[in-house]
Amino acid sequence: MTSERPPTIDLRAARRWQQMPPSASPWLHEEVARRMAERLACIKLQPANWAHWEPVRGGLQAHALLAERYPQADCLVTEFQPARLAYATKALAKPWWQPSRWTGKATRFEVPAEGAAQMLWANMALHMTDDPSALMAQWQHALAVDGFLMFSCLGPDTLQELRPLYQSLGWPEPAHEYTDMHDWGDMLLAAGFADPVMDMERIVLTFETPERLLHELRGLGRNLHPQRFQGLRGRQWRAKLLQALAAKPLQLTFEVVYGHALKPAPRLDVRPETVLSLAQMRETLNQRKTYPKNP
């Protein structure tokens, strides 16, 4: 995969999504974070510090799981939007009566400096960015040498029930396209990571009503497809969508991609420099022109 921006993500729509007010972390994101945390048991490295990348949308409950796994590690919480930063600061503040508030490691709310983190945790963010290569470069910059990245995102089979439904109704795509895990692996290598390990699973959610299904979708994200319907849908369109959903099994498939990669030491392809004087160079050239005589 090239480092170009995803062709089915509208840049302006992605930026508007990033600026939306904060809300509680979606249930699916929390569940994916819990499953990704279980994968940490396979990693022997115990980071002395780690960074939690945009936890408000990625899963605030997962922060406690990670803090419990690495109780002696410092933590950096990174949120770029001021309202989400304030939300995270309040949500992750330890109560005054909790002993770990006074004895545990401190949590700092800031963007990691270069090489500041031995582990970077980024849950369910990559599929909603308009420039994934730039985001991976930020992660690589924040990691220390031999540090590791843990991330998750949605894959191509996500919302496979909605796409044919929208097509049958003559509507534009219900969501932008999601990148295959093998392409994510290629992009990690291009960003300077090493030994990427990719995995995926499908999670199928069922719902009691079409209204509950739509409510869950709104919490997960937005349709960033450039060819999406550009205006506001009316009540008649919503009623038609609810009717179409009610005629089918109320379930949605989410392909979840998990990724893990290391930041290697910089490669130094520098050859040792040899300095010769003009006289030495002439002598070297003369020696090369000298051939042994025939016996």
Protein backbone atom coordinates (compact mmCIF):
# COMPACT_ATOMS: atom_id res chain seq x y z
CA MET A 1 0.00 0.00 0.00
CA THR A 2 1.20 3.53 -0.75
CA SER A 3 1.37 6.37 1.72
CA GLU A 4 -1.47 8.23 -0.03
CA ARG A 5 -4.55 9.31 1.87
CA PRO A 6 -7.41 6.76 1.87
CA PRO A 7 -9.46 7.37 -1.30
CA THR A 8 -12.83 6.78 0.39
CA ILE A 9 -12.38 9.13 3.35
CA ASP A 10 -13.43 12.76 2.96
CA LEU A 11 -10.83 14.96 4.65
CA ARG A 12 -13.28 17.62 5.82
CA ALA A 13 -15.68 15.06 7.24
CA ALA A 14 -12.83 13.35 9.10
CA ARG A 15 -11.69 16.66 10.59
CA ARG A 16 -15.25 17.51 11.67
CA TRP A 17 -15.51 14.13 13.38
CA GLN A 18 -12.30 14.84 15.27
CA GLN A 19 -13.73 18.12 16.56
CA MET A 20 -17.04 16.70 17.84
CA PRO A 21 -17.75 17.02 21.58
CA PRO A 22 -16.68 14.11 23.79
CA SER A 23 -19.03 11.40 24.96
CA ALA A 24 -18.77 8.09 26.79
CA SER A 25 -16.56 5.51 25.11
CA PRO A 26 -18.62 3.14 22.92
CA TRP A 27 -19.30 -0.31 24.32
CA LEU A 28 -17.70 -2.01 21.32
CA HIS A 29 -14.50 -0.01 21.76
CA GLU A 30 -14.31 -0.99 25.41
CA GLU A 31 -14.83 -4.64 24.51
CA VAL A 32 -12.15 -4.53 21.81
CA ALA A 33 -9.77 -2.84 24.27
CA ARG A 34 -10.42 -5.61 26.80
CA ARG A 35 -9.61 -8.26 24.20
CA MET A 36 -6.50 -6.42 23.06
CA ALA A 37 -5.34 -6.14 26.68
CA GLU A 38 -5.46 -9.94 26.92
CA ARG A 39 -2.87 -10.07 24.13
CA LEU A 40 -0.38 -8.26 26.35
CA ALA A 41 0.13 -11.51 28.24
CA CYS A 42 2.19 -12.74 25.25
CA ILE A 43 4.61 -9.80 25.46
CA LYS A 44 7.52 -10.19 27.85
CA LEU A 45 8.65 -6.57 27.81
CA GLN A 46 7.51 -4.67 30.89
CA PRO A 47 7.47 -1.00 29.88
CA ALA A 48 8.65 1.56 32.40
CA ASN A 49 6.35 4.07 30.73
CA TRP A 50 3.51 3.92 28.22
CA ALA A 51 1.24 6.24 26.27
CA HIS A 52 -2.53 5.98 25.98
CA TRP A 53 -3.49 7.50 22.64
CA GLU A 54 -6.92 9.21 22.55
CA PRO A 55 -8.60 7.08 25.24
CA VAL A 56 -11.93 8.94 25.30
CA ARG A 57 -13.04 7.31 22.08
CA GLY A 58 -10.74 4.33 22.34
CA GLY A 59 -11.99 3.19 25.74
CA LEU A 60 -11.51 4.88 29.10
CA GLN A 61 -12.26 1.70 31.04
CA ALA A 62 -9.26 0.04 29.37
CA HIS A 63 -6.98 2.54 31.11
CA ALA A 64 -7.56 0.80 34.44
CA LEU A 65 -6.72 -2.58 32.87
CA LEU A 66 -3.42 -1.25 31.57
CA ALA A 67 -2.56 0.55 34.80
CA GLU A 68 -3.20 -2.69 36.68
CA ARG A 69 -0.94 -4.65 34.31
CA TYR A 70 1.86 -2.07 34.57
CA PRO A 71 1.48 -0.64 38.10
CA GLN A 72 5.09 0.63 38.28
CA ALA A 73 5.00 2.35 34.89
CA ASP A 74 4.52 6.06 34.22
CA CYS A 75 1.72 6.94 31.83
CA LEU A 76 1.10 9.67 29.28
CA VAL A 77 -2.50 10.31 28.17
CA THR A 78 -2.73 12.00 24.78
CA GLU A 79 -5.82 13.88 23.60
CA PHE A 80 -5.52 16.61 20.98
CA GLN A 81 -8.99 18.13 21.19
CA PRO A 82 -9.28 20.40 24.28
CA ALA A 83 -12.76 19.22 25.28
CA ARG A 84 -11.73 15.56 25.11
CA LEU A 85 -8.55 16.34 27.05
CA ALA A 86 -10.63 17.89 29.84
CA TYR A 87 -13.03 14.95 29.70
CA ALA A 88 -10.18 12.43 30.00
CA THR A 89 -8.50 14.38 32.81
CA LYS A 90 -11.70 14.32 34.88
CA ALA A 91 -12.58 10.69 34.04
CA LEU A 92 -9.13 9.32 34.85
CA ALA A 93 -8.50 11.36 37.99
CA LYS A 94 -7.98 9.14 41.01
CA PRO A 95 -10.26 9.84 43.99
CA TRP A 96 -8.54 11.45 46.98
CA TRP A 97 -9.40 8.44 49.15
CA GLN A 98 -7.80 5.92 46.79
CA PRO A 99 -4.32 4.88 48.10
CA SER A 100 -2.84 4.70 44.60
CA ARG A 101 -3.47 8.44 44.24
CA TRP A 102 -0.60 9.04 46.66
CA THR A 103 1.57 5.96 46.13
CA GLY A 104 1.03 5.01 42.48
CA LYS A 105 2.77 6.35 39.42
CA ALA A 106 1.61 9.71 38.14
CA THR A 107 -0.42 10.13 34.95
CA ARG A 108 0.53 13.07 32.75
CA PHE A 109 -1.80 14.49 30.12
CA GLU A 110 0.38 15.55 27.21
CA VAL A 111 1.71 14.59 23.80
CA PRO A 112 4.69 12.25 24.13
CA ALA A 113 8.08 13.68 23.24
CA GLU A 114 10.28 11.79 20.81
CA GLY A 115 11.17 8.39 22.23
CA ALA A 116 9.18 8.99 25.42
CA ALA A 117 7.11 5.79 25.49
CA GLN A 118 8.13 2.16 25.66
CA MET A 119 4.58 1.10 24.80
CA LEU A 120 1.94 3.03 22.85
CA TRP A 121 -1.69 1.94 23.06
CA ALA A 122 -4.07 3.16 20.33
CA ASN A 123 -7.49 1.51 20.27
CA MET A 124 -9.97 1.90 17.39
CA ALA A 125 -8.53 5.12 15.95
CA LEU A 126 -6.78 4.21 12.72
CA HIS A 127 -9.85 3.56 10.55
CA MET A 128 -11.27 7.04 11.25
CA THR A 129 -8.23 9.09 10.25
CA ASP A 130 -7.82 10.70 6.84
CA ASP A 131 -4.03 10.27 6.92
CA PRO A 132 -3.06 6.93 8.52
CA SER A 133 0.56 7.19 7.37
CA ALA A 134 0.96 10.47 9.26
CA LEU A 135 -0.66 8.93 12.34
CA MET A 136 1.70 5.96 12.25
CA ALA A 137 4.61 8.38 11.91
CA GLN A 138 3.43 10.12 15.11
CA TRP A 139 3.33 6.79 16.91
CA GLN A 140 6.78 5.83 15.66
CA HIS A 141 8.14 9.21 16.77
CA ALA A 142 6.69 8.82 20.29
CA LEU A 143 8.09 5.32 20.85
CA ALA A 144 11.49 4.56 22.30
CA VAL A 145 13.83 2.21 20.46
CA ASP A 146 12.71 -1.39 21.12
CA GLY A 147 9.36 -0.06 22.34
CA PHE A 148 6.17 -1.57 20.94
CA LEU A 149 2.87 -0.44 19.48
CA MET A 150 -0.50 -2.01 20.25
CA PHE A 151 -3.44 -0.89 18.13
CA SER A 152 -6.80 -2.00 16.78
CA CYS A 153 -9.16 -0.79 14.07
CA LEU A 154 -12.05 -1.95 11.89
CA GLY A 155 -11.50 -4.13 8.81
CA PRO A 156 -13.24 -4.53 5.41
CA ASP A 157 -16.03 -6.91 6.50
CA THR A 158 -17.42 -4.33 8.91
CA LEU A 159 -21.11 -3.48 8.34
CA GLN A 160 -21.44 -6.13 5.65
CA GLU A 161 -25.18 -6.29 6.38
CA LEU A 162 -25.75 -2.58 5.64
CA ARG A 163 -23.93 -2.24 2.33
CA PRO A 164 -26.24 -4.47 0.23
CA LEU A 165 -29.27 -3.02 2.02
CA TYR A 166 -28.28 0.53 1.06
CA GLN A 167 -27.51 -0.62 -2.48
CA SER A 168 -30.95 -2.24 -2.84
CA LEU A 169 -32.57 1.05 -1.82
CA GLY A 170 -30.48 3.04 -4.31
CA TRP A 171 -28.62 4.94 -1.59
CA PRO A 172 -24.90 5.83 -1.42
CA GLU A 173 -22.55 3.74 0.71
CA PRO A 174 -23.40 3.66 4.45
CA ALA A 175 -19.72 3.96 5.41
CA HIS A 176 -16.30 4.54 3.96
CA GLU A 177 -14.20 1.50 3.05
CA TYR A 178 -12.00 -0.09 5.68
CA THR A 179 -8.42 -1.19 5.04
CA ASP A 180 -7.31 -4.82 4.99
CA MET A 181 -4.99 -5.96 7.77
CA HIS A 182 -2.26 -6.95 5.31
CA ASP A 183 -2.19 -3.40 3.96
CA TRP A 184 -1.90 -2.08 7.51
CA GLY A 185 1.13 -4.33 7.96
CA ASP A 186 2.73 -2.89 4.83
CA MET A 187 2.10 0.64 6.07
CA LEU A 188 3.70 -0.16 9.43
CA LEU A 189 6.86 -1.27 7.64
CA ALA A 190 6.83 1.87 5.49
CA ALA A 191 6.49 3.97 8.69
CA GLY A 192 9.67 2.44 10.12
CA PHE A 193 8.20 -0.26 12.35
CA ALA A 194 9.57 -3.80 12.45
CA ASP A 195 8.12 -7.27 12.89
CA PRO A 196 4.45 -6.32 12.52
CA VAL A 197 2.03 -8.99 13.68
CA MET A 198 -1.55 -8.69 12.43
CA ASP A 199 -4.62 -10.58 13.59
CA MET A 200 -8.36 -10.23 13.12
CA GLU A 201 -11.68 -11.48 14.42
CA ARG A 202 -15.33 -10.82 13.66
CA ILE A 203 -17.72 -9.62 16.32
CA VAL A 204 -21.44 -9.86 15.55
CA LEU A 205 -23.77 -7.68 17.60
CA THR A 206 -27.52 -8.26 17.74
CA PHE A 207 -30.11 -5.64 18.66
CA GLU A 208 -33.64 -5.67 20.01
CA THR A 209 -34.90 -2.83 17.80
CA PRO A 210 -33.77 -0.96 14.65
CA GLU A 211 -33.64 2.23 16.74
CA ARG A 212 -31.14 0.64 19.14
CA LEU A 213 -29.02 -0.45 16.19
CA LEU A 214 -28.83 3.09 14.79
CA HIS A 215 -28.05 4.51 18.23
CA GLU A 216 -25.08 2.16 18.58
CA LEU A 217 -23.78 3.12 15.12
CA ARG A 218 -23.83 6.84 15.92
CA GLY A 219 -21.65 6.25 18.94
CA LEU A 220 -19.06 4.34 16.92
CA GLY A 221 -18.34 6.99 14.33
CA ARG A 222 -19.61 8.64 11.17
CA ASN A 223 -19.82 7.89 7.48
CA LEU A 224 -16.74 9.60 5.99
CA HIS A 225 -17.27 8.43 2.41
CA PRO A 226 -16.85 11.29 -0.14
CA GLN A 227 -19.94 10.07 -2.04
CA ARG A 228 -22.17 9.91 1.03
CA PHE A 229 -25.44 11.84 1.04
CA GLN A 230 -24.32 15.42 1.68
CA GLY A 231 -27.47 16.88 3.21
CA LEU A 232 -29.60 16.11 6.23
CA ARG A 233 -31.90 13.11 5.91
CA GLY A 234 -35.55 13.64 6.76
CA ARG A 235 -38.08 11.72 8.79
CA GLN A 236 -39.36 9.81 5.77
CA TRP A 237 -35.86 8.54 4.97
CA ARG A 238 -35.35 7.46 8.58
CA ALA A 239 -38.71 5.66 8.63
CA LYS A 240 -37.79 3.86 5.40
CA LEU A 241 -34.44 2.81 6.86
CA LEU A 242 -36.03 1.53 10.07
CA GLN A 243 -38.57 -0.43 8.05
CA ALA A 244 -35.84 -1.99 5.90
CA LEU A 245 -33.81 -2.91 8.98
CA ALA A 246 -36.82 -4.46 10.70
CA ALA A 247 -37.34 -6.78 7.72
CA LYS A 248 -33.91 -8.34 8.24
CA PRO A 249 -32.08 -9.90 11.21
CA LEU A 250 -31.08 -7.07 13.51
CA GLN A 251 -27.37 -7.75 13.58
CA LEU A 252 -24.16 -6.05 12.50
CA THR A 253 -20.76 -7.58 11.80
CA PHE A 254 -17.56 -5.81 12.83
CA GLU A 255 -14.22 -7.07 11.58
CA VAL A 256 -11.69 -6.07 14.22
CA VAL A 257 -8.03 -5.87 13.22
CA TYR A 258 -5.35 -6.08 15.92
CA GLY A 259 -1.78 -4.97 15.28
CA HIS A 260 1.49 -5.16 17.13
CA ALA A 261 4.88 -3.85 15.97
CA LEU A 262 8.28 -2.83 17.33
CA LYS A 263 10.36 0.28 16.84
CA PRO A 264 13.82 -0.91 15.80
CA ALA A 265 17.12 0.84 16.29
CA PRO A 266 18.01 3.19 13.41
CA ARG A 267 19.88 1.55 10.58
CA LEU A 268 23.29 3.10 9.99
CA ASP A 269 24.38 2.37 6.44
CA VAL A 270 27.48 4.57 6.73
CA ARG A 271 30.72 3.24 5.36
CA PRO A 272 34.01 4.21 7.05
CA GLU A 273 35.71 7.12 5.34
CA THR A 274 39.27 6.77 4.01
CA VAL A 275 41.34 9.90 3.41
CA LEU A 276 44.31 9.72 1.01
CA SER A 277 46.77 12.39 0.09
CA LEU A 278 47.46 13.08 -3.58
CA ALA A 279 50.82 11.30 -3.31
CA GLN A 280 49.25 8.26 -1.70
CA MET A 281 46.60 8.13 -4.38
CA ARG A 282 49.25 8.19 -7.14
CA GLU A 283 51.18 5.46 -5.38
CA THR A 284 48.04 3.32 -5.08
CA LEU A 285 47.24 3.77 -8.76
CA ASN A 286 50.82 2.91 -9.78
CA GLN A 287 50.68 -0.28 -7.70
CA ARG A 288 47.52 -1.34 -9.45
CA LYS A 289 49.25 -0.90 -12.82
CA THR A 290 52.23 -3.10 -11.82
CA TYR A 291 51.93 -6.66 -13.08
CA PRO A 292 54.24 -9.55 -12.18
CA LYS A 293 56.70 -10.60 -14.87
CA ASN A 294 56.36 -13.93 -16.58
CA PRO A 295 58.72 -16.53 -15.11
